[in-house]
Amino acid sequence: MIRHFLFKLHNRLQAFIKRETIHYPVIYNANAADESDRKKRALLIYIVKPFLLQDNGPQLLRHQNARQCRQIAALLDEFGYIVDAVYRRDREFRPSKDYDLVISHGATDTFFTENILKIYLATTLCHAAHNKNLQRRHKLLSERRKCKIKIRRQYSEIMPYVVKSDAIICFGNEFIVNSWEKVFKGPIYPFNNYGFKETEFLLDLKDFLTARNNFLFFASGSQMQKGLDLLLEIFPKYPDLHLYICSDFKDEEDFCACYHRELYETPNIHPIGRVRVNGPEFYELVRKCACVVQPSCSEGQTGSVVQCMYSGLIPLVTKEAGIDMEDFGITFPDDSLAEIERVIVEVSRRSESWHREHSIKTRRVSEEKYSEDAFTTRWRDILTEILSNAGAKNSGTKTSKGLTSDSTRP
């Protein structure tokens, strides 16, 4: 017992030292612009590693945000900016250059002057709503199981950069926008996440009669936030329904201890772990399953589900996933165990033809609205609107409120 405790303490100490001492490079002129020909400079505070990778490198498929930050820089290049990139967790960074525009995923940056055009990039629900939902999930778990699990991914509700911003650009739909409207009175521009264009659609290789009984949970960390606890209390009741778990659950020892029996001793639950998108194991799961299920309590717009949608998996999600289901997927009426269970069982009993039809619809909508092309078009429109309004404001001209799109508002 003492040895195990010391081992855990050692690992945590190493993680702390790494987190506190790691050097985050600032990538100046990330878009390789001709600086002699440009006067405007933009700062992107998000992630920097993608700018250090080779084009089309496999690491750009680890998460959509890797490609997205490069695509945002490329769009800013179209508007004539030299783009510098800073990691959002770089606590030491202070601007050494004059910036005309800042797009930041950090909510606490306070060192920018009033005359800089400031945009906040929101990837979650408003922090107050996020924290409230997460705390409620943990309270309900404690009532059901008496387990004490660490609350992961709580965010500061003090957001000086957000308050001082000129606009918010956020992942998600109207539901996500509404959460931010409670703390921000300026324009909010939502956009859709996307699935990688390299993703194959394995329609003809899938036996939907069997696949309708198989469900994929595809996520990253913070299992309580993503709703894995709820699924682990539902699927043991239905031995003919299978749950395949691809997430970072192994990194959360307290969660695994609470749900050890369900994770490791239940024949119809398959704890796999992290799976590389577009790899052989991923495609085998896509072929085997008909639906992706994620009863999350807080997202911007869950990229893991969108990736699975692009692969033709029918999404079963909560409204907090930030995805408009239209007629291809299903939004749970609420995130209660009873409703999630009812929907899962009902979907598993629907016909083979229903699953095939909705898989085709899911892929088609994904190609239209949740693609890289749609992302680029939407971001170009958003930046056009924001920069146009900023220019008109500086010249004293009245401006319009925003743009519209098929699935999102300005």
Protein backbone atom coordinates (compact mmCIF):
# COMPACT_ATOMS: atom_id res chain seq x y z
CA MET A 1 0.00 0.00 0.00
CA ILE A 2 2.78 2.44 0.97
CA ARG A 3 4.73 1.51 -2.16
CA HIS A 4 1.70 2.15 -4.34
CA PHE A 5 1.12 5.53 -2.65
CA LEU A 6 4.75 6.57 -3.18
CA PHE A 7 4.56 5.50 -6.83
CA LYS A 8 1.46 7.66 -7.42
CA LEU A 9 3.07 10.58 -5.55
CA HIS A 10 6.18 10.28 -7.72
CA ASN A 11 4.15 10.32 -10.92
CA ARG A 12 2.16 13.35 -9.82
CA LEU A 13 5.31 15.22 -8.81
CA GLN A 14 6.87 14.51 -12.20
CA ALA A 15 3.73 15.72 -13.97
CA PHE A 16 3.73 18.91 -11.87
CA ILE A 17 7.40 19.65 -12.62
CA LYS A 18 6.86 19.03 -16.32
CA ARG A 19 3.80 21.29 -16.38
CA GLU A 20 5.49 24.12 -14.51
CA THR A 21 8.86 24.07 -16.28
CA ILE A 22 7.94 23.23 -19.87
CA HIS A 23 9.00 25.84 -22.41
CA TYR A 24 6.33 26.95 -24.86
CA PRO A 25 7.82 28.47 -28.02
CA VAL A 26 6.29 31.52 -29.62
CA ILE A 27 5.95 30.97 -33.37
CA TYR A 28 6.57 34.31 -35.07
CA ASN A 29 5.27 34.65 -38.61
CA ALA A 30 3.61 31.24 -38.48
CA ASN A 31 2.07 31.83 -41.90
CA ALA A 32 5.45 32.58 -43.52
CA ALA A 33 4.26 35.93 -44.87
CA ASP A 34 6.50 38.46 -46.62
CA GLU A 35 6.91 40.90 -43.73
CA SER A 36 8.29 43.61 -45.99
CA ASP A 37 4.94 43.74 -47.74
CA ARG A 38 2.57 43.73 -44.75
CA LYS A 39 1.65 46.17 -42.03
CA LYS A 40 -0.96 44.23 -40.03
CA ARG A 41 -0.07 41.65 -37.38
CA ALA A 42 -2.36 39.12 -35.66
CA LEU A 43 -1.75 36.96 -32.60
CA LEU A 44 -3.36 33.51 -32.29
CA ILE A 45 -3.33 32.24 -28.70
CA TYR A 46 -4.34 28.60 -29.00
CA ILE A 47 -1.81 25.83 -29.71
CA VAL A 48 1.62 26.01 -31.36
CA LYS A 49 2.72 22.42 -31.94
CA PRO A 50 0.88 22.09 -35.30
CA PHE A 51 3.07 24.85 -36.74
CA LEU A 52 6.12 22.71 -35.95
CA LEU A 53 4.78 19.65 -37.79
CA GLN A 54 5.19 18.69 -41.42
CA ASP A 55 2.26 19.23 -43.75
CA ASN A 56 0.02 16.14 -43.86
CA GLY A 57 1.91 14.61 -40.95
CA PRO A 58 0.04 11.87 -39.03
CA GLN A 59 0.03 13.97 -35.84
CA LEU A 60 -2.32 16.42 -37.55
CA LEU A 61 -4.94 13.66 -37.35
CA ARG A 62 -4.73 13.34 -33.55
CA HIS A 63 -7.25 16.13 -32.99
CA GLN A 64 -9.13 18.57 -35.20
CA ASN A 65 -7.70 21.58 -33.41
CA ALA A 66 -4.25 20.82 -34.84
CA ARG A 67 -5.42 21.43 -38.37
CA GLN A 68 -7.84 24.14 -37.35
CA CYS A 69 -5.22 26.45 -35.87
CA ARG A 70 -3.22 26.18 -39.11
CA GLN A 71 -6.37 26.85 -41.13
CA ILE A 72 -7.20 29.91 -39.02
CA ALA A 73 -3.67 31.24 -39.60
CA ALA A 74 -4.08 30.63 -43.34
CA LEU A 75 -7.35 32.58 -43.34
CA LEU A 76 -5.76 35.47 -41.47
CA ASP A 77 -3.06 35.37 -44.14
CA GLU A 78 -5.80 35.91 -46.75
CA PHE A 79 -6.77 39.09 -44.91
CA GLY A 80 -3.20 40.37 -45.06
CA TYR A 81 -1.97 39.61 -41.54
CA ILE A 82 1.37 38.37 -40.33
CA VAL A 83 0.35 35.71 -37.80
CA ASP A 84 2.19 34.89 -34.57
CA ALA A 85 1.12 31.84 -32.54
CA VAL A 86 1.31 31.35 -28.77
CA TYR A 87 0.29 28.36 -26.66
CA ARG A 88 -2.75 29.09 -24.52
CA ARG A 89 -1.04 27.80 -21.35
CA ASP A 90 2.07 29.90 -21.74
CA ARG A 91 2.01 31.89 -18.49
CA GLU A 92 5.24 33.75 -19.28
CA PHE A 93 4.21 35.29 -22.61
CA ARG A 94 3.98 39.04 -22.85
CA PRO A 95 3.56 40.80 -26.22
CA SER A 96 6.80 42.18 -27.62
CA LYS A 97 5.23 43.33 -30.88
CA ASP A 98 2.31 45.59 -31.78
CA TYR A 99 -0.82 43.65 -32.74
CA ASP A 100 -3.88 44.76 -34.66
CA LEU A 101 -5.89 41.61 -33.92
CA VAL A 102 -5.82 38.96 -31.19
CA ILE A 103 -7.75 35.68 -31.32
CA SER A 104 -7.37 33.97 -27.96
CA HIS A 105 -8.60 30.75 -26.40
CA GLY A 106 -7.37 32.06 -23.04
CA ALA A 107 -10.06 33.79 -21.01
CA THR A 108 -7.71 35.58 -18.59
CA ASP A 109 -5.32 37.50 -20.87
CA THR A 110 -5.40 41.07 -19.59
CA PHE A 111 -2.32 42.64 -21.15
CA PHE A 112 -3.85 43.86 -24.42
CA THR A 113 -4.74 47.52 -24.91
CA GLU A 114 -8.24 48.71 -25.68
CA ASN A 115 -7.50 49.70 -29.28
CA ILE A 116 -6.61 46.11 -30.34
CA LEU A 117 -9.41 44.09 -31.96
CA LYS A 118 -9.94 41.20 -29.54
CA ILE A 119 -11.78 37.95 -30.29
CA TYR A 120 -12.37 35.13 -27.82
CA LEU A 121 -12.31 31.58 -29.22
CA ALA A 122 -14.74 29.53 -27.08
CA THR A 123 -14.47 25.75 -27.16
CA THR A 124 -16.93 24.95 -24.33
CA LEU A 125 -20.18 26.06 -22.83
CA CYS A 126 -19.91 29.29 -20.89
CA HIS A 127 -17.70 28.45 -17.90
CA ALA A 128 -20.41 28.99 -15.29
CA ALA A 129 -22.77 26.61 -17.09
CA HIS A 130 -19.97 24.10 -17.64
CA ASN A 131 -18.97 24.06 -13.96
CA LYS A 132 -22.57 23.84 -12.78
CA ASN A 133 -23.32 20.88 -15.05
CA LEU A 134 -20.15 19.06 -14.04
CA GLN A 135 -20.78 19.55 -10.33
CA ARG A 136 -24.34 18.25 -10.77
CA ARG A 137 -23.04 15.10 -12.45
CA HIS A 138 -20.70 14.43 -9.54
CA LYS A 139 -23.43 15.07 -6.99
CA LEU A 140 -25.71 12.57 -8.71
CA LEU A 141 -22.93 10.00 -8.82
CA SER A 142 -22.29 10.44 -5.12
CA GLU A 143 -25.97 9.84 -4.42
CA ARG A 144 -26.03 6.71 -6.58
CA ARG A 145 -22.70 5.11 -5.68
CA LYS A 146 -21.03 7.01 -2.83
CA CYS A 147 -17.94 7.24 -5.05
CA LYS A 148 -15.68 10.24 -4.71
CA ILE A 149 -14.17 11.11 -8.08
CA LYS A 150 -12.01 14.13 -8.78
CA ILE A 151 -13.81 16.88 -10.68
CA ARG A 152 -11.76 17.39 -13.83
CA ARG A 153 -11.77 20.32 -16.25
CA GLN A 154 -13.31 22.99 -14.04
CA TYR A 155 -12.76 26.44 -15.51
CA SER A 156 -12.35 29.88 -14.01
CA GLU A 157 -15.53 31.92 -14.10
CA ILE A 158 -13.49 35.12 -13.93
CA MET A 159 -12.94 35.93 -17.60
CA PRO A 160 -11.47 39.43 -18.10
CA TYR A 161 -10.40 38.78 -21.70
CA VAL A 162 -13.92 37.63 -22.62
CA VAL A 163 -15.51 40.70 -21.04
CA LYS A 164 -13.16 43.00 -22.97
CA SER A 165 -13.51 41.17 -26.28
CA ASP A 166 -15.16 42.66 -29.34
CA ALA A 167 -16.65 39.32 -30.41
CA ILE A 168 -16.79 35.62 -29.54
CA ILE A 169 -16.27 32.87 -32.08
CA CYS A 170 -17.48 29.57 -30.66
CA PHE A 171 -17.81 25.92 -31.54
CA GLY A 172 -21.40 24.71 -31.58
CA ASN A 173 -24.97 25.77 -32.23
CA GLU A 174 -27.59 28.12 -30.79
CA PHE A 175 -27.61 26.26 -27.49
CA ILE A 176 -23.90 26.99 -26.98
CA VAL A 177 -24.36 30.60 -28.10
CA ASN A 178 -27.16 31.09 -25.56
CA SER A 179 -24.88 30.06 -22.71
CA TRP A 180 -22.34 32.76 -23.67
CA GLU A 181 -25.01 35.42 -24.11
CA LYS A 182 -25.50 35.35 -20.35
CA VAL A 183 -22.05 36.89 -19.80
CA PHE A 184 -21.27 38.62 -23.10
CA LYS A 185 -23.40 41.23 -24.87
CA GLY A 186 -21.41 41.54 -28.09
CA PRO A 187 -21.73 39.51 -31.31
CA ILE A 188 -21.26 35.72 -31.04
CA TYR A 189 -20.42 33.69 -34.13
CA PRO A 190 -20.81 29.89 -33.94
CA PHE A 191 -19.24 27.40 -36.33
CA ASN A 192 -19.27 23.64 -36.79
CA ASN A 193 -16.47 21.23 -36.01
CA TYR A 194 -15.52 18.74 -38.70
CA GLY A 195 -14.50 15.18 -39.51
CA PHE A 196 -11.27 14.58 -41.39
CA LYS A 197 -11.73 14.47 -45.16
CA GLU A 198 -9.54 11.35 -45.33
CA THR A 199 -12.16 9.36 -43.42
CA GLU A 200 -13.65 6.45 -45.35
CA PHE A 201 -17.36 5.59 -45.34
CA LEU A 202 -17.66 1.80 -44.88
CA LEU A 203 -21.35 1.49 -45.76
CA ASP A 204 -21.10 -1.66 -47.87
CA LEU A 205 -18.89 -3.46 -45.34
CA LYS A 206 -21.33 -3.10 -42.45
CA ASP A 207 -23.92 -5.65 -41.32
CA PHE A 208 -26.51 -3.29 -39.81
CA LEU A 209 -28.57 -6.14 -38.38
CA THR A 210 -25.66 -6.91 -36.05
CA ALA A 211 -24.25 -3.37 -35.81
CA ARG A 212 -27.50 -1.94 -34.40
CA ASN A 213 -26.66 -3.72 -31.12
CA ASN A 214 -23.17 -2.20 -30.90
CA PHE A 215 -22.50 1.31 -29.59
CA LEU A 216 -19.25 3.27 -29.62
CA PHE A 217 -18.25 5.68 -26.86
CA PHE A 218 -15.54 7.83 -28.46
CA ALA A 219 -14.10 10.61 -26.31
CA SER A 220 -10.97 11.93 -24.60
CA GLY A 221 -10.60 12.78 -20.90
CA SER A 222 -13.00 13.74 -18.10
CA GLN A 223 -15.22 10.63 -18.19
CA MET A 224 -17.81 12.11 -15.84
CA GLN A 225 -18.22 15.11 -18.11
CA LYS A 226 -18.59 12.87 -21.16
CA GLY A 227 -21.18 10.66 -19.45
CA LEU A 228 -19.36 7.35 -19.43
CA ASP A 229 -20.56 6.73 -15.87
CA LEU A 230 -24.16 6.78 -17.10
CA LEU A 231 -23.48 4.31 -19.90
CA LEU A 232 -21.68 1.95 -17.51
CA GLU A 233 -24.82 1.81 -15.38
CA ILE A 234 -27.08 1.10 -18.37
CA PHE A 235 -25.32 -1.49 -20.54
CA PRO A 236 -24.84 -4.21 -17.87
CA LYS A 237 -28.65 -4.53 -17.84
CA TYR A 238 -28.68 -5.52 -21.51
CA PRO A 239 -26.17 -8.31 -22.24
CA ASP A 240 -27.13 -8.38 -25.92
CA LEU A 241 -26.10 -4.73 -26.36
CA HIS A 242 -22.37 -4.01 -26.56
CA LEU A 243 -20.52 -0.84 -25.55
CA TYR A 244 -17.05 -0.22 -27.00
CA ILE A 245 -15.13 2.38 -24.97
CA CYS A 246 -12.45 4.44 -26.71
CA SER A 247 -11.30 7.24 -24.41
CA ASP A 248 -8.64 8.17 -21.86
CA PHE A 249 -10.49 6.45 -19.01
CA LYS A 250 -7.30 4.56 -18.03
CA ASP A 251 -5.74 7.87 -16.95
CA GLU A 252 -8.49 8.40 -14.36
CA GLU A 253 -7.74 5.87 -11.64
CA ASP A 254 -10.52 6.98 -9.32
CA PHE A 255 -13.11 6.59 -12.08
CA CYS A 256 -11.80 3.13 -12.98
CA ALA A 257 -11.91 2.09 -9.32
CA CYS A 258 -15.52 3.23 -8.99
CA TYR A 259 -16.56 1.34 -12.14
CA HIS A 260 -14.08 -1.54 -12.02
CA ARG A 261 -16.72 -4.29 -12.26
CA GLU A 262 -18.51 -2.65 -15.18
CA LEU A 263 -15.32 -1.83 -17.06
CA TYR A 264 -13.39 -5.05 -16.57
CA GLU A 265 -15.81 -7.77 -15.50
CA THR A 266 -18.84 -7.22 -17.74
CA PRO A 267 -18.79 -9.30 -20.96
CA ASN A 268 -20.72 -6.83 -23.14
CA ILE A 269 -18.55 -3.84 -22.18
CA HIS A 270 -15.25 -3.55 -24.03
CA PRO A 271 -12.68 -1.14 -22.49
CA ILE A 272 -10.28 -0.34 -25.34
CA GLY A 273 -8.69 3.04 -24.60
CA ARG A 274 -7.43 5.68 -27.04
CA VAL A 275 -7.67 4.75 -30.72
CA ARG A 276 -5.99 6.56 -33.61
CA VAL A 277 -8.51 8.11 -35.98
CA ASN A 278 -8.46 6.54 -39.46
CA GLY A 279 -6.33 3.63 -38.26
CA PRO A 280 -7.27 -0.07 -38.70
CA GLU A 281 -8.70 -0.39 -35.18
CA PHE A 282 -10.84 2.71 -35.68
CA TYR A 283 -12.29 1.38 -38.93
CA GLU A 284 -12.98 -2.01 -37.36
CA LEU A 285 -15.04 -0.27 -34.68
CA VAL A 286 -16.83 1.84 -37.29
CA ARG A 287 -17.68 -1.33 -39.22
CA LYS A 288 -18.85 -3.09 -36.08
CA CYS A 289 -21.02 -0.31 -34.57
CA ALA A 290 -24.07 1.54 -35.89
CA CYS A 291 -24.14 4.41 -33.37
CA VAL A 292 -21.82 6.68 -31.43
CA VAL A 293 -23.22 7.59 -28.02
CA GLN A 294 -22.01 10.40 -25.76
CA PRO A 295 -24.29 11.84 -23.04
CA SER A 296 -21.94 14.74 -22.27
CA CYS A 297 -22.92 17.49 -19.86
CA SER A 298 -20.74 20.18 -21.47
CA GLU A 299 -19.08 20.75 -24.84
CA GLY A 300 -18.56 23.39 -27.44
CA GLN A 301 -19.27 20.88 -30.17
CA THR A 302 -17.81 17.48 -29.43
CA GLY A 303 -15.20 16.75 -32.08
CA SER A 304 -15.01 13.03 -31.34
CA VAL A 305 -18.70 12.59 -32.14
CA VAL A 306 -18.43 14.75 -35.27
CA GLN A 307 -15.52 12.57 -36.45
CA CYS A 308 -17.67 9.47 -35.94
CA MET A 309 -20.55 11.15 -37.79
CA TYR A 310 -18.22 11.66 -40.73
CA SER A 311 -17.62 7.90 -40.60
CA GLY A 312 -21.36 7.25 -40.83
CA LEU A 313 -22.04 6.44 -37.16
CA ILE A 314 -25.46 7.70 -36.05
CA PRO A 315 -25.03 10.13 -33.12
CA LEU A 316 -26.98 9.77 -29.87
CA VAL A 317 -26.10 12.82 -27.77
CA THR A 318 -27.29 15.33 -25.21
CA LYS A 319 -28.14 18.90 -26.19
CA GLU A 320 -24.87 19.97 -24.55
CA ALA A 321 -22.99 18.30 -27.43
CA GLY A 322 -23.76 21.43 -29.47
CA ILE A 323 -24.90 19.50 -32.56
CA ASP A 324 -28.20 20.05 -34.35
CA MET A 325 -29.46 16.54 -35.06
CA GLU A 326 -32.02 17.48 -37.74
CA ASP A 327 -33.29 14.14 -39.11
CA PHE A 328 -30.10 12.04 -38.99
CA GLY A 329 -29.36 11.55 -35.28
CA ILE A 330 -31.06 11.70 -31.90
CA THR A 331 -30.80 14.19 -29.04
CA PHE A 332 -31.70 12.70 -25.66
CA PRO A 333 -34.73 14.51 -24.17
CA ASP A 334 -32.63 15.00 -21.03
CA ASP A 335 -29.54 13.42 -19.47
CA SER A 336 -31.33 11.26 -16.91
CA LEU A 337 -30.41 7.60 -16.73
CA ALA A 338 -33.99 6.65 -17.58
CA GLU A 339 -34.14 8.69 -20.79
CA ILE A 340 -30.69 7.70 -22.02
CA GLU A 341 -31.52 4.05 -21.38
CA ARG A 342 -34.89 4.32 -23.13
CA VAL A 343 -33.38 5.86 -26.27
CA ILE A 344 -30.50 3.37 -26.48
CA VAL A 345 -32.82 0.37 -26.19
CA GLU A 346 -35.33 1.85 -28.61
CA VAL A 347 -32.67 2.57 -31.22
CA SER A 348 -31.24 -0.95 -30.91
CA ARG A 349 -34.68 -2.35 -31.80
CA ARG A 350 -35.15 -0.25 -34.90
CA SER A 351 -34.90 -1.97 -38.25
CA GLU A 352 -31.77 -2.69 -40.22
CA SER A 353 -33.09 -0.40 -42.96
CA TRP A 354 -33.58 2.47 -40.47
CA HIS A 355 -29.94 2.21 -39.37
CA ARG A 356 -28.66 2.06 -42.95
CA GLU A 357 -30.78 5.04 -43.98
CA HIS A 358 -29.67 7.17 -41.02
CA SER A 359 -26.03 6.22 -41.49
CA ILE A 360 -26.23 7.53 -45.07
CA LYS A 361 -27.97 10.71 -43.87
CA THR A 362 -25.33 11.24 -41.19
CA ARG A 363 -22.48 10.99 -43.67
CA ARG A 364 -24.24 13.25 -46.19
CA VAL A 365 -24.93 16.00 -43.64
CA SER A 366 -21.38 15.68 -42.33
CA GLU A 367 -19.94 16.24 -45.80
CA GLU A 368 -22.19 19.29 -46.26
CA LYS A 369 -22.01 20.98 -42.86
CA TYR A 370 -19.31 19.28 -40.76
CA SER A 371 -16.47 19.22 -43.28
CA GLU A 372 -13.17 21.08 -43.52
CA ASP A 373 -14.50 23.05 -46.49
CA ALA A 374 -17.56 24.13 -44.49
CA PHE A 375 -15.29 25.13 -41.59
CA THR A 376 -13.07 27.26 -43.82
CA THR A 377 -16.04 28.93 -45.53
CA ARG A 378 -17.72 29.73 -42.23
CA TRP A 379 -14.55 31.14 -40.66
CA ARG A 380 -13.86 33.27 -43.72
CA ASP A 381 -17.38 34.70 -43.51
CA ILE A 382 -17.04 35.34 -39.77
CA LEU A 383 -13.72 37.15 -40.13
CA THR A 384 -15.08 39.18 -43.03
CA GLU A 385 -18.00 40.29 -40.88
CA ILE A 386 -15.93 41.10 -37.78
CA LEU A 387 -13.24 43.01 -39.68
CA SER A 388 -15.84 44.86 -41.73
CA ASN A 389 -17.72 45.89 -38.59
CA ALA A 390 -14.48 46.94 -36.90
CA GLY A 391 -13.52 49.07 -39.89
CA ALA A 392 -16.95 50.66 -40.05
CA LYS A 393 -16.89 51.31 -36.30
CA ASN A 394 -13.56 53.08 -36.59
CA SER A 395 -14.97 55.25 -39.38
CA GLY A 396 -18.19 55.95 -37.45
CA THR A 397 -20.51 54.01 -39.78
CA LYS A 398 -23.42 51.90 -38.52
CA THR A 399 -22.97 48.17 -39.08
CA SER A 400 -25.11 45.08 -39.42
CA LYS A 401 -25.32 42.57 -36.58
CA GLY A 402 -23.86 39.54 -38.29
CA LEU A 403 -24.00 36.73 -40.81
CA THR A 404 -26.30 33.75 -41.04
CA SER A 405 -25.63 30.21 -42.15
CA ASP A 406 -27.64 27.05 -42.69
CA SER A 407 -27.10 25.70 -39.19
CA THR A 408 -25.86 28.63 -37.11
CA ARG A 409 -26.62 32.22 -36.34
CA PRO A 410 -24.20 35.17 -36.34
